[in-house]
Amino acid sequence: MKEVHSHGTASERTVWIAEEGRETDFVLVLVSGGSKQKRAEGDMTHYGFAVASRAEIDEIAARAREEGCLYWVPLELPPPVGYLCAVEDPDGYIIEFSYGQPLGPGAMEQP
């Protein structure tokens, strides 16, 4: 995913992100501000993105650990889940990154 448009100030910023080459098909719009997400105990609600390799999962997890926002350490789960980790964004949303699920890069590959 890459940034395809942004506007606003540092405290009130809007960013559009899209998959490389699909900028006119589907974008996610991230808008700063608002109150932090309050999840109930055990709430597994999250956004998920497939990535191109297991190494990418490890890189994301290492960066998130350094920044203090690693939510799920990298782990391998039985199909269809695959290899994944998750981070918590500043607003409290959980973002999962996975490899080997039956979608996106690495779909249905065995580790």
N, C-alpha and C. Protein backbone atom coordinates (compact mmCIF):
# COMPACT_ATOMS: atom_id res chain seq x y z
N MET A 1 0.86 -1.17 0.00
CA MET A 1 0.00 0.00 0.00
C MET A 1 0.90 1.23 0.00
N LYS A 2 0.38 2.26 -0.63
CA LYS A 2 1.15 3.50 -0.67
C LYS A 2 0.20 4.68 -0.56
N GLU A 3 0.76 5.81 -0.13
CA GLU A 3 -0.02 7.03 -0.03
C GLU A 3 -0.26 7.56 -1.44
N VAL A 4 -1.52 7.87 -1.77
CA VAL A 4 -1.83 8.41 -3.10
C VAL A 4 -2.34 9.84 -3.04
N HIS A 5 -2.71 10.31 -1.84
CA HIS A 5 -3.17 11.70 -1.69
C HIS A 5 -3.17 12.01 -0.20
N SER A 6 -2.91 13.25 0.13
CA SER A 6 -3.07 13.69 1.52
C SER A 6 -3.33 15.20 1.53
N HIS A 7 -3.98 15.64 2.58
CA HIS A 7 -4.19 17.06 2.77
C HIS A 7 -4.44 17.33 4.25
N GLY A 8 -4.33 18.59 4.63
CA GLY A 8 -4.55 18.98 6.01
C GLY A 8 -3.25 19.33 6.71
N THR A 9 -3.35 19.47 8.02
CA THR A 9 -2.20 19.82 8.85
C THR A 9 -1.74 18.59 9.61
N ALA A 10 -0.65 18.73 10.36
CA ALA A 10 -0.13 17.60 11.13
C ALA A 10 -1.16 17.09 12.14
N SER A 11 -1.96 17.97 12.72
CA SER A 11 -2.94 17.56 13.73
C SER A 11 -4.30 17.17 13.13
N GLU A 12 -4.58 17.60 11.94
CA GLU A 12 -5.85 17.27 11.27
C GLU A 12 -5.54 16.88 9.84
N ARG A 13 -5.10 15.66 9.66
CA ARG A 13 -4.63 15.20 8.36
C ARG A 13 -5.51 14.09 7.81
N THR A 14 -5.70 14.10 6.50
CA THR A 14 -6.41 13.04 5.80
C THR A 14 -5.46 12.44 4.78
N VAL A 15 -5.37 11.10 4.77
CA VAL A 15 -4.46 10.40 3.87
C VAL A 15 -5.24 9.30 3.15
N TRP A 16 -5.05 9.22 1.84
CA TRP A 16 -5.62 8.13 1.05
C TRP A 16 -4.48 7.15 0.77
N ILE A 17 -4.74 5.86 1.00
CA ILE A 17 -3.74 4.84 0.66
C ILE A 17 -4.38 3.79 -0.24
N ALA A 18 -3.56 3.21 -1.11
CA ALA A 18 -4.06 2.21 -2.05
C ALA A 18 -2.93 1.24 -2.40
N GLU A 19 -3.33 0.10 -2.90
CA GLU A 19 -2.37 -0.88 -3.41
C GLU A 19 -1.74 -0.33 -4.68
N GLU A 20 -0.45 -0.53 -4.83
CA GLU A 20 0.27 -0.11 -6.03
C GLU A 20 -0.44 -0.63 -7.28
N GLY A 21 -0.75 0.26 -8.21
CA GLY A 21 -1.41 -0.12 -9.45
C GLY A 21 -2.93 -0.17 -9.37
N ARG A 22 -3.50 -0.03 -8.17
CA ARG A 22 -4.96 -0.10 -8.03
C ARG A 22 -5.51 1.18 -7.41
N GLU A 23 -4.82 2.26 -7.62
CA GLU A 23 -5.17 3.54 -7.00
C GLU A 23 -6.55 4.05 -7.38
N THR A 24 -7.09 3.61 -8.52
CA THR A 24 -8.43 4.06 -8.92
C THR A 24 -9.49 3.00 -8.64
N ASP A 25 -9.09 1.84 -8.11
CA ASP A 25 -10.05 0.77 -7.82
C ASP A 25 -10.56 0.81 -6.38
N PHE A 26 -9.64 1.03 -5.44
CA PHE A 26 -10.00 0.94 -4.03
C PHE A 26 -8.99 1.72 -3.21
N VAL A 27 -9.46 2.63 -2.38
CA VAL A 27 -8.58 3.37 -1.48
C VAL A 27 -9.13 3.30 -0.05
N LEU A 28 -8.24 3.36 0.91
CA LEU A 28 -8.61 3.53 2.29
C LEU A 28 -8.34 4.99 2.64
N VAL A 29 -9.28 5.62 3.30
CA VAL A 29 -9.11 7.01 3.68
C VAL A 29 -8.94 7.05 5.20
N LEU A 30 -7.79 7.56 5.63
CA LEU A 30 -7.47 7.68 7.05
C LEU A 30 -7.62 9.14 7.45
N VAL A 31 -8.46 9.40 8.43
CA VAL A 31 -8.72 10.76 8.88
C VAL A 31 -8.31 10.86 10.34
N SER A 32 -7.43 11.80 10.65
CA SER A 32 -6.99 11.95 12.04
C SER A 32 -8.06 12.60 12.88
N GLY A 33 -7.91 12.46 14.18
CA GLY A 33 -8.84 13.07 15.12
C GLY A 33 -9.86 12.08 15.63
N GLY A 34 -10.79 12.56 16.40
CA GLY A 34 -11.81 11.69 16.98
C GLY A 34 -11.29 11.02 18.24
N SER A 35 -12.15 10.26 18.86
CA SER A 35 -11.77 9.59 20.11
C SER A 35 -11.14 8.23 19.81
N LYS A 36 -10.32 7.77 20.76
CA LYS A 36 -9.65 6.49 20.62
C LYS A 36 -10.66 5.35 20.67
N GLN A 37 -10.43 4.33 19.85
CA GLN A 37 -11.27 3.13 19.81
C GLN A 37 -11.24 2.44 21.17
N LYS A 38 -12.39 2.10 21.70
CA LYS A 38 -12.47 1.39 22.97
C LYS A 38 -12.99 -0.02 22.71
N ARG A 39 -12.10 -0.99 22.76
CA ARG A 39 -12.49 -2.39 22.53
C ARG A 39 -12.87 -3.05 23.85
N ALA A 40 -13.88 -3.87 23.80
CA ALA A 40 -14.25 -4.67 24.97
C ALA A 40 -13.22 -5.78 25.15
N GLU A 41 -13.10 -6.29 26.34
CA GLU A 41 -12.20 -7.41 26.63
C GLU A 41 -12.45 -8.55 25.65
N GLY A 42 -11.40 -9.02 25.00
CA GLY A 42 -11.51 -10.13 24.05
C GLY A 42 -12.01 -9.75 22.67
N ASP A 43 -12.26 -8.47 22.42
CA ASP A 43 -12.74 -8.03 21.10
C ASP A 43 -11.63 -8.23 20.07
N MET A 44 -11.89 -9.02 19.05
CA MET A 44 -10.91 -9.33 18.02
C MET A 44 -11.15 -8.53 16.74
N THR A 45 -11.99 -7.52 16.79
CA THR A 45 -12.27 -6.71 15.61
C THR A 45 -10.97 -6.08 15.11
N HIS A 46 -10.70 -6.22 13.81
CA HIS A 46 -9.47 -5.67 13.25
C HIS A 46 -9.57 -5.55 11.74
N TYR A 47 -8.64 -4.81 11.17
CA TYR A 47 -8.48 -4.72 9.72
C TYR A 47 -7.33 -5.64 9.35
N GLY A 48 -7.42 -6.29 8.21
CA GLY A 48 -6.35 -7.21 7.81
C GLY A 48 -5.85 -6.93 6.41
N PHE A 49 -4.53 -7.10 6.24
CA PHE A 49 -3.89 -6.91 4.95
C PHE A 49 -2.96 -8.09 4.68
N ALA A 50 -3.02 -8.61 3.46
CA ALA A 50 -2.10 -9.65 3.04
C ALA A 50 -0.82 -8.99 2.54
N VAL A 51 0.32 -9.59 2.88
CA VAL A 51 1.61 -9.08 2.43
C VAL A 51 2.30 -10.16 1.59
N ALA A 52 3.41 -9.78 0.96
CA ALA A 52 4.05 -10.63 -0.03
C ALA A 52 4.95 -11.73 0.51
N SER A 53 5.34 -11.68 1.80
CA SER A 53 6.26 -12.71 2.30
C SER A 53 6.23 -12.78 3.82
N ARG A 54 6.73 -13.90 4.34
CA ARG A 54 6.88 -14.05 5.79
C ARG A 54 7.88 -13.03 6.32
N ALA A 55 8.92 -12.76 5.53
CA ALA A 55 9.92 -11.78 5.94
C ALA A 55 9.29 -10.41 6.16
N GLU A 56 8.31 -10.06 5.35
CA GLU A 56 7.63 -8.78 5.51
C GLU A 56 6.88 -8.73 6.85
N ILE A 57 6.29 -9.84 7.25
CA ILE A 57 5.63 -9.92 8.57
C ILE A 57 6.66 -9.63 9.66
N ASP A 58 7.82 -10.29 9.56
CA ASP A 58 8.86 -10.10 10.57
C ASP A 58 9.37 -8.66 10.61
N GLU A 59 9.49 -8.03 9.44
CA GLU A 59 9.93 -6.62 9.37
C GLU A 59 8.90 -5.70 10.02
N ILE A 60 7.63 -5.93 9.73
CA ILE A 60 6.56 -5.11 10.31
C ILE A 60 6.56 -5.26 11.83
N ALA A 61 6.69 -6.50 12.30
CA ALA A 61 6.68 -6.76 13.74
C ALA A 61 7.88 -6.10 14.42
N ALA A 62 9.04 -6.17 13.81
CA ALA A 62 10.24 -5.56 14.41
C ALA A 62 10.06 -4.04 14.52
N ARG A 63 9.56 -3.45 13.47
CA ARG A 63 9.34 -1.98 13.51
C ARG A 63 8.29 -1.62 14.56
N ALA A 64 7.20 -2.39 14.62
CA ALA A 64 6.15 -2.12 15.60
C ALA A 64 6.67 -2.30 17.02
N ARG A 65 7.50 -3.31 17.24
CA ARG A 65 8.08 -3.53 18.56
C ARG A 65 8.92 -2.31 18.97
N GLU A 66 9.74 -1.82 18.04
CA GLU A 66 10.56 -0.63 18.31
C GLU A 66 9.70 0.59 18.64
N GLU A 67 8.55 0.72 17.97
CA GLU A 67 7.68 1.88 18.16
C GLU A 67 6.68 1.68 19.30
N GLY A 68 6.71 0.49 19.93
CA GLY A 68 5.84 0.23 21.07
C GLY A 68 4.39 -0.03 20.73
N CYS A 69 4.11 -0.48 19.50
CA CYS A 69 2.71 -0.70 19.11
C CYS A 69 2.44 -2.12 18.59
N LEU A 70 3.34 -3.08 18.88
CA LEU A 70 3.11 -4.47 18.46
C LEU A 70 1.99 -5.05 19.31
N TYR A 71 0.95 -5.55 18.66
CA TYR A 71 -0.23 -6.06 19.37
C TYR A 71 -0.22 -7.58 19.42
N TRP A 72 0.02 -8.24 18.27
CA TRP A 72 0.19 -9.70 18.22
C TRP A 72 1.58 -9.96 17.67
N VAL A 73 2.40 -10.69 18.41
CA VAL A 73 3.72 -11.06 17.90
C VAL A 73 3.52 -12.00 16.71
N PRO A 74 4.52 -12.11 15.83
CA PRO A 74 4.38 -13.01 14.69
C PRO A 74 4.12 -14.44 15.16
N LEU A 75 3.14 -15.08 14.54
CA LEU A 75 2.84 -16.47 14.86
C LEU A 75 2.24 -17.15 13.66
N GLU A 76 2.41 -18.45 13.64
CA GLU A 76 1.88 -19.31 12.57
C GLU A 76 0.64 -19.98 13.12
N LEU A 77 -0.48 -19.84 12.43
CA LEU A 77 -1.73 -20.48 12.82
C LEU A 77 -2.18 -21.42 11.70
N PRO A 78 -2.97 -22.42 12.02
CA PRO A 78 -3.42 -23.38 11.01
C PRO A 78 -4.21 -22.69 9.89
N PRO A 79 -4.22 -23.32 8.70
CA PRO A 79 -5.02 -22.77 7.60
C PRO A 79 -6.47 -22.57 8.04
N PRO A 80 -7.08 -21.54 7.59
CA PRO A 80 -6.66 -20.62 6.54
C PRO A 80 -5.92 -19.38 7.05
N VAL A 81 -5.52 -19.35 8.32
CA VAL A 81 -4.98 -18.13 8.90
C VAL A 81 -3.56 -17.81 8.44
N GLY A 82 -2.63 -18.74 8.52
CA GLY A 82 -1.27 -18.50 8.06
C GLY A 82 -0.40 -17.78 9.08
N TYR A 83 0.63 -17.11 8.58
CA TYR A 83 1.61 -16.40 9.40
C TYR A 83 1.17 -14.95 9.52
N LEU A 84 1.15 -14.40 10.75
CA LEU A 84 0.63 -13.05 10.93
C LEU A 84 1.23 -12.34 12.13
N CYS A 85 1.02 -11.05 12.15
CA CYS A 85 1.27 -10.22 13.32
C CYS A 85 0.24 -9.10 13.26
N ALA A 86 0.17 -8.30 14.32
CA ALA A 86 -0.75 -7.16 14.31
C ALA A 86 -0.15 -6.01 15.09
N VAL A 87 -0.55 -4.81 14.70
CA VAL A 87 -0.12 -3.59 15.39
C VAL A 87 -1.37 -2.84 15.85
N GLU A 88 -1.17 -1.97 16.84
CA GLU A 88 -2.26 -1.11 17.29
C GLU A 88 -1.94 0.30 16.83
N ASP A 89 -2.85 0.91 16.09
CA ASP A 89 -2.60 2.26 15.60
C ASP A 89 -2.86 3.27 16.73
N PRO A 90 -2.49 4.53 16.53
CA PRO A 90 -2.64 5.52 17.61
C PRO A 90 -4.07 5.72 18.10
N ASP A 91 -5.06 5.36 17.28
CA ASP A 91 -6.45 5.52 17.70
C ASP A 91 -7.01 4.26 18.35
N GLY A 92 -6.17 3.22 18.49
CA GLY A 92 -6.61 2.00 19.16
C GLY A 92 -7.14 0.92 18.25
N TYR A 93 -7.06 1.11 16.93
CA TYR A 93 -7.52 0.08 16.00
C TYR A 93 -6.42 -0.96 15.81
N ILE A 94 -6.82 -2.22 15.63
CA ILE A 94 -5.87 -3.30 15.42
C ILE A 94 -5.77 -3.56 13.92
N ILE A 95 -4.52 -3.61 13.44
CA ILE A 95 -4.25 -3.85 12.03
C ILE A 95 -3.42 -5.13 11.93
N GLU A 96 -3.98 -6.13 11.25
CA GLU A 96 -3.31 -7.42 11.06
C GLU A 96 -2.60 -7.45 9.72
N PHE A 97 -1.42 -8.05 9.70
CA PHE A 97 -0.68 -8.29 8.47
C PHE A 97 -0.46 -9.79 8.40
N SER A 98 -0.83 -10.41 7.26
CA SER A 98 -0.74 -11.86 7.17
C SER A 98 -0.11 -12.30 5.86
N TYR A 99 0.42 -13.52 5.89
CA TYR A 99 0.99 -14.15 4.71
C TYR A 99 0.49 -15.59 4.67
N GLY A 100 0.04 -16.03 3.51
CA GLY A 100 -0.37 -17.42 3.33
C GLY A 100 -1.85 -17.68 3.49
N GLN A 101 -2.65 -16.65 3.66
CA GLN A 101 -4.09 -16.84 3.71
C GLN A 101 -4.60 -17.04 2.28
N PRO A 102 -5.80 -17.55 2.11
CA PRO A 102 -6.30 -17.79 0.76
C PRO A 102 -6.77 -16.51 0.06
N LEU A 103 -5.92 -15.48 0.11
CA LEU A 103 -6.17 -14.21 -0.57
C LEU A 103 -4.85 -13.47 -0.67
N GLY A 104 -4.73 -12.60 -1.61
CA GLY A 104 -3.54 -11.77 -1.73
C GLY A 104 -2.26 -12.55 -1.97
N PRO A 105 -1.10 -11.90 -1.79
CA PRO A 105 0.18 -12.55 -2.03
C PRO A 105 0.35 -13.80 -1.14
N GLY A 106 0.92 -14.84 -1.71
CA GLY A 106 1.17 -16.06 -0.95
C GLY A 106 -0.06 -16.89 -0.70
N ALA A 107 -1.15 -16.62 -1.40
CA ALA A 107 -2.40 -17.34 -1.17
C ALA A 107 -2.20 -18.84 -1.28
N MET A 108 -2.62 -19.51 -0.22
CA MET A 108 -2.66 -20.97 -0.16
C MET A 108 -1.28 -21.63 -0.22
N GLU A 109 -0.20 -20.91 -0.04
CA GLU A 109 1.12 -21.54 0.01
C GLU A 109 1.31 -22.16 1.39
N GLN A 110 2.03 -23.26 1.41
CA GLN A 110 2.38 -23.89 2.67
C GLN A 110 3.69 -23.31 3.18
N PRO A 111 3.82 -23.07 4.49
CA PRO A 111 5.08 -22.54 5.03
C PRO A 111 6.23 -23.51 4.85
